[in-house]
N, C-alpha and C. Protein backbone atom coordinates (compact mmCIF):
# COMPACT_ATOMS: atom_id res chain seq x y z
N MET A 1 -112.14 10.52 -15.41
CA MET A 1 -112.32 10.01 -16.77
C MET A 1 -113.38 10.85 -17.47
N PRO A 2 -113.10 11.31 -18.69
CA PRO A 2 -114.08 12.11 -19.43
C PRO A 2 -115.35 11.31 -19.74
N LYS A 3 -116.45 12.00 -19.73
CA LYS A 3 -117.73 11.38 -20.07
C LYS A 3 -117.84 11.22 -21.58
N GLY A 4 -118.78 10.42 -22.01
CA GLY A 4 -119.08 10.24 -23.42
C GLY A 4 -120.48 10.73 -23.71
N TYR A 5 -120.67 11.24 -24.91
CA TYR A 5 -121.97 11.81 -25.27
C TYR A 5 -122.43 11.32 -26.64
N TRP A 6 -123.72 11.08 -26.74
CA TRP A 6 -124.36 10.89 -28.04
C TRP A 6 -124.98 12.23 -28.39
N VAL A 7 -124.72 12.71 -29.59
CA VAL A 7 -125.32 13.94 -30.07
C VAL A 7 -126.04 13.62 -31.38
N SER A 8 -127.34 13.84 -31.39
CA SER A 8 -128.14 13.55 -32.59
C SER A 8 -128.89 14.79 -33.02
N VAL A 9 -128.83 15.08 -34.30
CA VAL A 9 -129.61 16.17 -34.88
C VAL A 9 -130.41 15.57 -36.02
N TYR A 10 -131.66 15.88 -36.05
CA TYR A 10 -132.57 15.33 -37.05
C TYR A 10 -132.93 16.45 -38.03
N PRO A 11 -132.28 16.50 -39.20
CA PRO A 11 -132.50 17.60 -40.15
C PRO A 11 -133.96 17.75 -40.59
N THR A 12 -134.62 16.64 -40.80
CA THR A 12 -136.01 16.67 -41.24
C THR A 12 -136.74 15.49 -40.64
N ILE A 13 -137.92 15.75 -40.13
CA ILE A 13 -138.76 14.66 -39.62
C ILE A 13 -140.09 14.76 -40.37
N THR A 14 -140.26 13.88 -41.33
CA THR A 14 -141.48 13.91 -42.14
C THR A 14 -142.59 13.05 -41.54
N ASP A 15 -142.22 12.08 -40.69
CA ASP A 15 -143.20 11.17 -40.11
C ASP A 15 -142.88 10.96 -38.62
N PRO A 16 -143.24 11.92 -37.75
CA PRO A 16 -142.91 11.80 -36.33
C PRO A 16 -143.46 10.53 -35.68
N GLU A 17 -144.64 10.09 -36.11
CA GLU A 17 -145.22 8.88 -35.54
C GLU A 17 -144.40 7.65 -35.92
N GLY A 18 -143.71 7.72 -37.05
CA GLY A 18 -142.87 6.61 -37.48
C GLY A 18 -141.68 6.38 -36.56
N LEU A 19 -141.37 7.36 -35.72
CA LEU A 19 -140.25 7.23 -34.79
C LEU A 19 -140.66 6.59 -33.45
N ASP A 20 -141.93 6.37 -33.24
CA ASP A 20 -142.40 5.88 -31.94
C ASP A 20 -141.73 4.57 -31.52
N VAL A 21 -141.66 3.60 -32.42
CA VAL A 21 -141.05 2.31 -32.08
C VAL A 21 -139.57 2.49 -31.79
N TYR A 22 -138.88 3.25 -32.64
CA TYR A 22 -137.46 3.52 -32.41
C TYR A 22 -137.27 4.20 -31.06
N ASN A 23 -138.05 5.24 -30.77
CA ASN A 23 -137.90 5.97 -29.51
C ASN A 23 -138.07 5.07 -28.30
N GLU A 24 -139.01 4.19 -28.34
CA GLU A 24 -139.24 3.27 -27.22
C GLU A 24 -138.05 2.32 -27.06
N LEU A 25 -137.64 1.69 -28.14
CA LEU A 25 -136.51 0.75 -28.07
C LEU A 25 -135.20 1.45 -27.72
N ALA A 26 -134.97 2.61 -28.31
CA ALA A 26 -133.74 3.36 -28.03
C ALA A 26 -133.70 3.81 -26.58
N GLY A 27 -134.83 4.26 -26.06
CA GLY A 27 -134.89 4.68 -24.66
C GLY A 27 -134.53 3.55 -23.71
N GLN A 28 -135.05 2.37 -24.00
CA GLN A 28 -134.73 1.20 -23.16
C GLN A 28 -133.25 0.85 -23.26
N ALA A 29 -132.70 0.90 -24.47
CA ALA A 29 -131.29 0.55 -24.68
C ALA A 29 -130.37 1.55 -23.98
N VAL A 30 -130.69 2.82 -24.07
CA VAL A 30 -129.88 3.86 -23.43
C VAL A 30 -129.91 3.70 -21.91
N LYS A 31 -131.10 3.50 -21.37
CA LYS A 31 -131.24 3.33 -19.92
C LYS A 31 -130.47 2.10 -19.44
N ALA A 32 -130.59 0.99 -20.15
CA ALA A 32 -129.90 -0.24 -19.78
C ALA A 32 -128.38 -0.07 -19.82
N ALA A 33 -127.89 0.82 -20.69
CA ALA A 33 -126.45 1.04 -20.84
C ALA A 33 -125.94 2.14 -19.90
N GLY A 34 -126.81 2.68 -19.08
CA GLY A 34 -126.40 3.71 -18.13
C GLY A 34 -126.41 5.12 -18.66
N GLY A 35 -127.05 5.33 -19.80
CA GLY A 35 -127.11 6.67 -20.39
C GLY A 35 -128.17 7.53 -19.73
N ARG A 36 -127.95 8.84 -19.77
CA ARG A 36 -128.87 9.82 -19.22
C ARG A 36 -129.20 10.86 -20.29
N VAL A 37 -130.47 11.03 -20.56
CA VAL A 37 -130.89 12.02 -21.55
C VAL A 37 -130.80 13.40 -20.90
N LEU A 38 -129.96 14.26 -21.46
CA LEU A 38 -129.80 15.62 -20.94
C LEU A 38 -130.69 16.61 -21.66
N ALA A 39 -130.93 16.39 -22.93
CA ALA A 39 -131.78 17.28 -23.72
C ALA A 39 -132.42 16.48 -24.84
N ARG A 40 -133.69 16.77 -25.08
CA ARG A 40 -134.39 16.11 -26.19
C ARG A 40 -135.54 17.01 -26.58
N GLY A 41 -135.54 17.42 -27.80
CA GLY A 41 -136.65 18.23 -28.22
C GLY A 41 -136.38 19.00 -29.49
N GLY A 42 -137.38 19.65 -29.93
CA GLY A 42 -137.29 20.47 -31.11
C GLY A 42 -138.11 21.72 -30.96
N GLY A 43 -138.77 21.85 -29.80
CA GLY A 43 -139.62 22.99 -29.57
C GLY A 43 -138.85 24.29 -29.40
N ARG A 44 -137.70 24.23 -28.72
CA ARG A 44 -136.91 25.43 -28.47
C ARG A 44 -135.48 25.19 -28.89
N VAL A 45 -135.22 25.40 -30.16
CA VAL A 45 -133.89 25.27 -30.73
C VAL A 45 -133.58 26.56 -31.49
N VAL A 46 -132.45 27.15 -31.20
CA VAL A 46 -132.00 28.31 -31.96
C VAL A 46 -130.79 27.85 -32.77
N ALA A 47 -130.90 27.89 -34.05
CA ALA A 47 -129.82 27.42 -34.92
C ALA A 47 -129.07 28.61 -35.52
N HIS A 48 -127.75 28.48 -35.60
CA HIS A 48 -126.91 29.51 -36.20
C HIS A 48 -126.04 28.88 -37.29
N GLU A 49 -125.48 29.73 -38.14
CA GLU A 49 -124.63 29.31 -39.24
C GLU A 49 -125.33 28.23 -40.07
N ALA A 50 -124.76 27.04 -40.17
CA ALA A 50 -125.36 25.99 -40.99
C ALA A 50 -126.32 25.11 -40.19
N GLY A 51 -126.64 25.53 -38.98
CA GLY A 51 -127.52 24.74 -38.12
C GLY A 51 -128.94 24.65 -38.64
N ILE A 52 -129.62 23.62 -38.21
CA ILE A 52 -131.00 23.39 -38.60
C ILE A 52 -131.82 23.32 -37.33
N ALA A 53 -132.87 24.10 -37.24
CA ALA A 53 -133.70 24.17 -36.04
C ALA A 53 -134.71 23.03 -36.03
N GLU A 54 -134.22 21.85 -35.80
CA GLU A 54 -135.07 20.66 -35.67
C GLU A 54 -134.72 19.96 -34.37
N ARG A 55 -135.21 18.78 -34.22
CA ARG A 55 -135.01 17.99 -33.01
C ARG A 55 -133.52 17.72 -32.76
N VAL A 56 -133.10 17.93 -31.51
CA VAL A 56 -131.73 17.66 -31.07
C VAL A 56 -131.82 16.80 -29.82
N VAL A 57 -130.96 15.77 -29.74
CA VAL A 57 -130.93 14.89 -28.57
C VAL A 57 -129.50 14.83 -28.07
N LEU A 58 -129.33 14.99 -26.75
CA LEU A 58 -128.03 14.90 -26.10
C LEU A 58 -128.12 13.90 -24.97
N ILE A 59 -127.30 12.84 -25.04
CA ILE A 59 -127.31 11.77 -24.03
C ILE A 59 -125.91 11.64 -23.46
N GLU A 60 -125.82 11.55 -22.14
CA GLU A 60 -124.54 11.46 -21.45
C GLU A 60 -124.31 10.05 -20.90
N PHE A 61 -123.07 9.59 -21.03
CA PHE A 61 -122.63 8.32 -20.45
C PHE A 61 -121.42 8.60 -19.57
N ASP A 62 -121.11 7.70 -18.68
CA ASP A 62 -120.00 7.90 -17.75
C ASP A 62 -118.64 7.93 -18.44
N SER A 63 -118.54 7.37 -19.65
CA SER A 63 -117.28 7.38 -20.40
C SER A 63 -117.56 7.27 -21.89
N PHE A 64 -116.56 7.63 -22.68
CA PHE A 64 -116.64 7.48 -24.13
C PHE A 64 -116.82 6.01 -24.49
N GLU A 65 -116.10 5.14 -23.79
CA GLU A 65 -116.20 3.69 -24.06
C GLU A 65 -117.60 3.17 -23.79
N GLN A 66 -118.21 3.66 -22.72
CA GLN A 66 -119.58 3.24 -22.40
C GLN A 66 -120.55 3.73 -23.49
N ALA A 67 -120.34 4.95 -23.97
CA ALA A 67 -121.20 5.49 -25.03
C ALA A 67 -121.07 4.67 -26.31
N THR A 68 -119.85 4.30 -26.65
CA THR A 68 -119.61 3.49 -27.85
C THR A 68 -120.21 2.10 -27.70
N ALA A 69 -120.02 1.49 -26.53
CA ALA A 69 -120.57 0.15 -26.29
C ALA A 69 -122.10 0.18 -26.35
N ALA A 70 -122.70 1.25 -25.86
CA ALA A 70 -124.16 1.36 -25.90
C ALA A 70 -124.67 1.38 -27.33
N TYR A 71 -123.97 2.13 -28.20
CA TYR A 71 -124.35 2.18 -29.61
C TYR A 71 -124.24 0.82 -30.26
N GLU A 72 -123.19 0.10 -29.92
CA GLU A 72 -122.93 -1.21 -30.53
C GLU A 72 -123.73 -2.34 -29.90
N SER A 73 -124.46 -2.07 -28.83
CA SER A 73 -125.21 -3.11 -28.14
C SER A 73 -126.32 -3.69 -29.02
N ALA A 74 -126.67 -4.93 -28.74
CA ALA A 74 -127.75 -5.58 -29.48
C ALA A 74 -129.06 -4.82 -29.32
N ALA A 75 -129.30 -4.29 -28.12
CA ALA A 75 -130.54 -3.57 -27.86
C ALA A 75 -130.64 -2.31 -28.72
N TYR A 76 -129.54 -1.57 -28.85
CA TYR A 76 -129.61 -0.35 -29.65
C TYR A 76 -129.63 -0.67 -31.14
N GLN A 77 -128.95 -1.71 -31.55
CA GLN A 77 -129.00 -2.12 -32.96
C GLN A 77 -130.42 -2.50 -33.35
N LYS A 78 -131.16 -3.09 -32.42
CA LYS A 78 -132.58 -3.42 -32.67
C LYS A 78 -133.37 -2.12 -32.85
N ALA A 79 -133.07 -1.11 -32.05
CA ALA A 79 -133.75 0.18 -32.19
C ALA A 79 -133.44 0.80 -33.55
N LEU A 80 -132.17 0.77 -33.96
CA LEU A 80 -131.79 1.33 -35.26
C LEU A 80 -132.55 0.66 -36.40
N ALA A 81 -132.76 -0.64 -36.29
CA ALA A 81 -133.49 -1.37 -37.33
C ALA A 81 -134.94 -0.90 -37.44
N ALA A 82 -135.45 -0.26 -36.38
CA ALA A 82 -136.83 0.21 -36.37
C ALA A 82 -136.99 1.62 -36.95
N LEU A 83 -135.88 2.27 -37.31
CA LEU A 83 -136.00 3.60 -37.92
C LEU A 83 -136.74 3.49 -39.25
N PRO A 84 -137.62 4.42 -39.52
CA PRO A 84 -138.38 4.36 -40.78
C PRO A 84 -137.47 4.53 -42.00
N ASP A 85 -137.89 4.00 -43.13
CA ASP A 85 -137.17 4.18 -44.39
C ASP A 85 -137.07 5.66 -44.72
N GLY A 86 -135.95 6.04 -45.30
CA GLY A 86 -135.77 7.42 -45.71
C GLY A 86 -135.48 8.36 -44.55
N PHE A 87 -135.29 7.85 -43.39
CA PHE A 87 -135.04 8.66 -42.21
C PHE A 87 -133.62 9.20 -42.24
N GLU A 88 -133.43 10.44 -41.82
CA GLU A 88 -132.10 11.06 -41.85
C GLU A 88 -131.80 11.72 -40.51
N ARG A 89 -130.56 11.50 -40.03
CA ARG A 89 -130.10 12.21 -38.84
C ARG A 89 -128.59 12.32 -38.87
N ASP A 90 -128.08 13.26 -38.11
CA ASP A 90 -126.65 13.46 -37.94
C ASP A 90 -126.35 12.97 -36.52
N PHE A 91 -125.61 11.87 -36.39
CA PHE A 91 -125.37 11.23 -35.09
C PHE A 91 -123.87 11.15 -34.85
N ARG A 92 -123.45 11.52 -33.65
CA ARG A 92 -122.04 11.45 -33.29
C ARG A 92 -121.89 10.96 -31.86
N ILE A 93 -120.78 10.28 -31.61
CA ILE A 93 -120.37 9.94 -30.25
C ILE A 93 -119.12 10.76 -29.99
N ILE A 94 -119.14 11.57 -28.94
CA ILE A 94 -118.00 12.42 -28.66
C ILE A 94 -117.54 12.23 -27.21
N GLU A 95 -116.27 12.53 -27.00
CA GLU A 95 -115.70 12.47 -25.66
C GLU A 95 -115.76 13.85 -25.03
N GLY A 96 -116.17 13.88 -23.76
CA GLY A 96 -116.21 15.14 -23.03
C GLY A 96 -114.82 15.62 -22.66
N ILE A 97 -114.76 16.77 -22.10
CA ILE A 97 -113.50 17.37 -21.66
C ILE A 97 -113.29 17.04 -20.19
N GLY A 98 -112.13 16.43 -19.90
CA GLY A 98 -111.73 16.13 -18.52
C GLY A 98 -112.74 15.43 -17.79
C-alpha cells in the first residue's frame, strides 16, 4: 500500500515564535496518528523555478488514508486553530508511489 505524505511549505514566516503553540500541538497530533517527520527546516533549502527558500516540512504516514485522517483529527484541528493570524503556508496531502 502506498504511503501518504504531508508536504508543507511556508512562503513567509514573519513571527517564528508565534508558531510555537502550533508546533507543539501539531507534533503531538502527528505522533498520535502514526506520522513520522522526515524533514523539517529552513536552514538548508535550495529553491528552483518558482520555489521559495523557506521552511519545508515533510511527514510520512503508512497510507494516504492515515495521512488524511490525521489532518482531520480533532487533535490536529486544535493545532490549526493555534496558527497565528495572517499566517500563510502551502499544505498538501499526497499519495506515495507503490
